[in-house]
Every structure is written in structure tokens, then in C-alpha cells.
């Protein structure tokens, strides 16, 4: 990640939801449901470290995984795509 990217990661969270990335919103959703990363990783059949990287925006979430995430969080695929 270049310097500009690092600055965005540091500064954007200070402005609330403006500029939140998918992983940030995913974490917010998980916390609102009071579910641990380990629990979600188990539901998705992935290692907890993989799920952690989704929340840290270090790994892209593939289409198939979006469908599984929607199921785990009991929301529609349209809602998960809007994150």
C-alpha cells in the first residue's frame, strides 16, 4: 500500500461512515450481531485468519463467499452487496 493509501486508512475512520470499506462494514455488522470472527469463520468453512483478512480489507471477498456471508448474517445478497 502506498503512502496515500495508508493515510486514508488512518484518517477515514475519523469521519464516521464516510469512506468505510467493505471490511469495516463487515466488522460493524458482525459486532452488531454479537458474533466472533471464529464463529463466522467456522460457518464459512474458512480459517479464522482468512475471515480476519476480509475485515482488515487485506483480502477480496469472492462472489461465492458473499452469498455465504449473507446466509450467516441472515440478510439478503442484495444487502451484503450494498456493504
Protein backbone atom coordinates (compact mmCIF):
# COMPACT_ATOMS: atom_id res chain seq x y z
CA UNK A 1 0.00 0.00 0.00
CA UNK A 2 1.38 3.40 -0.90
CA UNK A 3 1.62 6.36 1.46
CA UNK A 4 -1.68 7.85 0.27
CA UNK A 5 -3.47 4.56 0.93
CA UNK A 6 -2.00 4.36 4.43
CA UNK A 7 -3.13 7.90 5.18
CA UNK A 8 -6.66 7.09 4.04
CA UNK A 9 -6.78 4.05 6.29
CA UNK A 10 -5.75 6.22 9.23
CA UNK A 11 -7.87 9.29 8.51
CA UNK A 12 -11.13 7.98 7.08
CA UNK A 13 -12.40 6.20 10.21
CA UNK A 14 -12.35 9.57 11.99
CA UNK A 15 -15.10 10.80 9.67
CA UNK A 16 -17.69 8.16 10.59
CA UNK A 17 -19.22 6.06 7.82
CA UNK A 18 -17.88 8.25 5.04
CA UNK A 19 -15.39 6.19 3.07
CA UNK A 20 -15.85 2.99 5.02
CA UNK A 21 -14.66 -0.01 3.09
CA UNK A 22 -16.33 -3.40 2.84
CA UNK A 23 -14.26 -4.97 5.62
CA UNK A 24 -15.05 -2.14 8.01
CA UNK A 25 -18.76 -2.54 7.35
CA UNK A 26 -18.47 -6.32 7.64
CA UNK A 27 -16.89 -5.92 11.07
CA UNK A 28 -19.60 -3.48 12.13
CA UNK A 29 -22.26 -5.98 11.04
CA UNK A 30 -20.55 -8.84 12.89
CA UNK A 31 -20.27 -6.81 16.09
CA UNK A 32 -23.92 -5.77 15.89
CA UNK A 33 -24.86 -9.47 15.77
CA UNK A 34 -22.50 -10.22 18.70
CA UNK A 35 -20.70 -12.95 16.75
CA UNK A 36 -16.97 -13.68 16.98
CA UNK A 37 -14.67 -13.94 13.99
CA UNK A 38 -14.08 -17.60 14.89
CA UNK A 39 -17.80 -18.34 14.79
CA UNK A 40 -18.22 -16.76 11.38
CA UNK A 41 -15.10 -18.44 10.02
CA UNK A 42 -16.48 -21.81 11.15
CA UNK A 43 -19.82 -21.09 9.44
CA UNK A 44 -17.97 -20.14 6.25
CA UNK A 45 -15.62 -23.14 6.47
CA UNK A 46 -12.53 -20.93 6.34
CA UNK A 47 -9.68 -20.38 8.77
CA UNK A 48 -10.24 -17.52 11.24
CA UNK A 49 -7.18 -15.80 9.76
CA UNK A 50 -8.88 -15.71 6.34
CA UNK A 51 -12.01 -14.09 7.75
CA UNK A 52 -9.86 -11.65 9.72
CA UNK A 53 -8.22 -10.55 6.46
CA UNK A 54 -11.69 -9.83 5.00
CA UNK A 55 -12.41 -7.45 7.86
CA UNK A 56 -8.99 -5.82 7.56
CA UNK A 57 -9.55 -5.24 3.83
CA UNK A 58 -6.47 -7.34 3.11
CA UNK A 59 -8.30 -9.96 1.07
CA UNK A 60 -11.02 -9.63 -1.55
CA UNK A 61 -14.27 -11.45 -0.93
CA UNK A 62 -15.29 -13.61 -3.89
CA UNK A 63 -18.88 -13.80 -5.12
CA UNK A 64 -19.45 -17.28 -3.64
CA UNK A 65 -18.28 -16.04 -0.25
CA UNK A 66 -20.65 -13.06 -0.42
CA UNK A 67 -23.53 -15.50 -0.72
CA UNK A 68 -22.30 -17.45 2.31
CA UNK A 69 -21.83 -14.23 4.30
CA UNK A 70 -25.39 -13.17 3.52
CA UNK A 71 -26.61 -16.51 4.81
CA UNK A 72 -24.52 -16.34 8.00
CA UNK A 73 -25.75 -12.82 8.78
CA UNK A 74 -29.33 -13.68 7.76
CA UNK A 75 -29.54 -10.84 5.25
CA UNK A 76 -30.21 -10.81 1.52
CA UNK A 77 -27.43 -10.97 -1.05
CA UNK A 78 -28.52 -7.52 -2.21
CA UNK A 79 -27.91 -6.16 1.29
CA UNK A 80 -24.48 -7.78 1.53
CA UNK A 81 -23.59 -6.33 -1.88
CA UNK A 82 -24.52 -2.85 -0.65
CA UNK A 83 -21.96 -3.03 2.15
